[in-house]
């Protein structure tokens, strides 16, 4: 059997085995996994995206105030 591939933990960068035996993969521990989840939940991570060129064209106009 071959040794599992080591990958850097996304949170702390510590080498960790990427194998079924590592229940927190790709993280090294539950702590690092929780830190990463918390960062997503608090919107510390964001996926960059551009608005489509026709954004707003399908939106109906605001009705006039009476």
C-alpha atoms as a PDB file:
ATOM      1  CA  UNK A   1       0.000   0.000   0.000  1.00  0.00           C
ATOM      2  CA  UNK A   2       1.305   3.460  -0.824  1.00  0.00           C
ATOM      3  CA  UNK A   3       1.641   6.260   1.685  1.00  0.00           C
ATOM      4  CA  UNK A   4      -1.167   8.831   1.577  1.00  0.00           C
ATOM      5  CA  UNK A   5      -0.452  12.053  -0.232  1.00  0.00           C
ATOM      6  CA  UNK A   6       0.335  14.979   2.068  1.00  0.00           C
ATOM      7  CA  UNK A   7      -1.389  18.280   1.355  1.00  0.00           C
ATOM      8  CA  UNK A   8      -1.150  21.575   3.233  1.00  0.00           C
ATOM      9  CA  UNK A   9      -4.045  22.212   5.590  1.00  0.00           C
ATOM     10  CA  UNK A  10      -6.016  25.141   4.087  1.00  0.00           C
ATOM     11  CA  UNK A  11      -6.171  26.846   7.498  1.00  0.00           C
ATOM     12  CA  UNK A  12      -2.759  26.378   9.123  1.00  0.00           C
ATOM     13  CA  UNK A  13      -0.664  25.017   6.201  1.00  0.00           C
ATOM     14  CA  UNK A  14       0.540  22.024   8.264  1.00  0.00           C
ATOM     15  CA  UNK A  15       1.158  18.941   6.043  1.00  0.00           C
ATOM     16  CA  UNK A  16      -1.744  16.552   6.516  1.00  0.00           C
ATOM     17  CA  UNK A  17      -2.630  13.229   4.869  1.00  0.00           C
ATOM     18  CA  UNK A  18      -5.323  13.395   2.228  1.00  0.00           C
ATOM     19  CA  UNK A  19      -6.744   9.948   2.889  1.00  0.00           C
ATOM     20  CA  UNK A  20     -10.018   8.391   4.104  1.00  0.00           C
ATOM     21  CA  UNK A  21      -8.365   7.808   7.482  1.00  0.00           C
ATOM     22  CA  UNK A  22      -8.166  11.588   8.020  1.00  0.00           C
ATOM     23  CA  UNK A  23     -11.759  12.380   8.946  1.00  0.00           C
ATOM     24  CA  UNK A  24     -11.130  16.152   8.671  1.00  0.00           C
ATOM     25  CA  UNK A  25      -9.514  16.110   5.218  1.00  0.00           C
ATOM     26  CA  UNK A  26      -8.357  18.352   3.656  1.00  0.00           C
ATOM     27  CA  UNK A  27      -7.920  19.952   7.098  1.00  0.00           C
ATOM     28  CA  UNK A  28      -5.566  18.626   9.756  1.00  0.00           C
ATOM     29  CA  UNK A  29      -8.055  18.852  12.619  1.00  0.00           C
ATOM     30  CA  UNK A  30     -11.589  19.697  13.646  1.00  0.00           C
ATOM     31  CA  UNK A  31     -10.296  23.049  14.909  1.00  0.00           C
ATOM     32  CA  UNK A  32      -8.948  24.085  11.485  1.00  0.00           C
ATOM     33  CA  UNK A  33     -12.129  22.871   9.805  1.00  0.00           C
ATOM     34  CA  UNK A  34     -14.246  24.955  12.214  1.00  0.00           C
ATOM     35  CA  UNK A  35     -12.087  28.040  11.676  1.00  0.00           C
ATOM     36  CA  UNK A  36     -12.594  27.749   7.917  1.00  0.00           C
ATOM     37  CA  UNK A  37     -16.343  27.211   8.277  1.00  0.00           C
ATOM     38  CA  UNK A  38     -16.553  30.258  10.533  1.00  0.00           C
ATOM     39  CA  UNK A  39     -14.733  32.376   7.954  1.00  0.00           C
ATOM     40  CA  UNK A  40     -17.273  31.390   5.286  1.00  0.00           C
ATOM     41  CA  UNK A  41     -20.185  32.003   7.682  1.00  0.00           C
ATOM     42  CA  UNK A  42     -18.912  35.489   8.574  1.00  0.00           C
ATOM     43  CA  UNK A  43     -18.387  36.238   4.866  1.00  0.00           C
ATOM     44  CA  UNK A  44     -14.627  36.677   5.286  1.00  0.00           C
ATOM     45  CA  UNK A  45     -14.278  34.719   2.047  1.00  0.00           C
ATOM     46  CA  UNK A  46     -15.992  36.020  -1.049  1.00  0.00           C
ATOM     47  CA  UNK A  47     -16.224  34.693  -4.552  1.00  0.00           C
ATOM     48  CA  UNK A  48     -15.404  37.430  -7.032  1.00  0.00           C
ATOM     49  CA  UNK A  49     -18.012  37.916  -9.698  1.00  0.00           C
ATOM     50  CA  UNK A  50     -18.931  40.559 -12.201  1.00  0.00           C
ATOM     51  CA  UNK A  51     -22.504  41.626 -12.768  1.00  0.00           C
ATOM     52  CA  UNK A  52     -23.834  40.393 -16.111  1.00  0.00           C
ATOM     53  CA  UNK A  53     -23.771  43.097 -18.801  1.00  0.00           C
ATOM     54  CA  UNK A  54     -27.574  43.180 -18.956  1.00  0.00           C
ATOM     55  CA  UNK A  55     -28.098  43.361 -15.189  1.00  0.00           C
ATOM     56  CA  UNK A  56     -31.112  45.438 -14.343  1.00  0.00           C
ATOM     57  CA  UNK A  57     -32.673  45.398 -17.809  1.00  0.00           C
ATOM     58  CA  UNK A  58     -35.136  42.656 -16.838  1.00  0.00           C
ATOM     59  CA  UNK A  59     -36.075  44.479 -13.649  1.00  0.00           C
ATOM     60  CA  UNK A  60     -39.422  46.266 -13.969  1.00  0.00           C
ATOM     61  CA  UNK A  61     -39.363  50.019 -13.552  1.00  0.00           C
ATOM     62  CA  UNK A  62     -40.368  51.406 -10.195  1.00  0.00           C
ATOM     63  CA  UNK A  63     -44.050  52.417 -10.293  1.00  0.00           C
ATOM     64  CA  UNK A  64     -44.630  56.173  -9.992  1.00  0.00           C
ATOM     65  CA  UNK A  65     -45.445  57.498  -6.525  1.00  0.00           C
ATOM     66  CA  UNK A  66     -49.059  58.632  -6.060  1.00  0.00           C
END
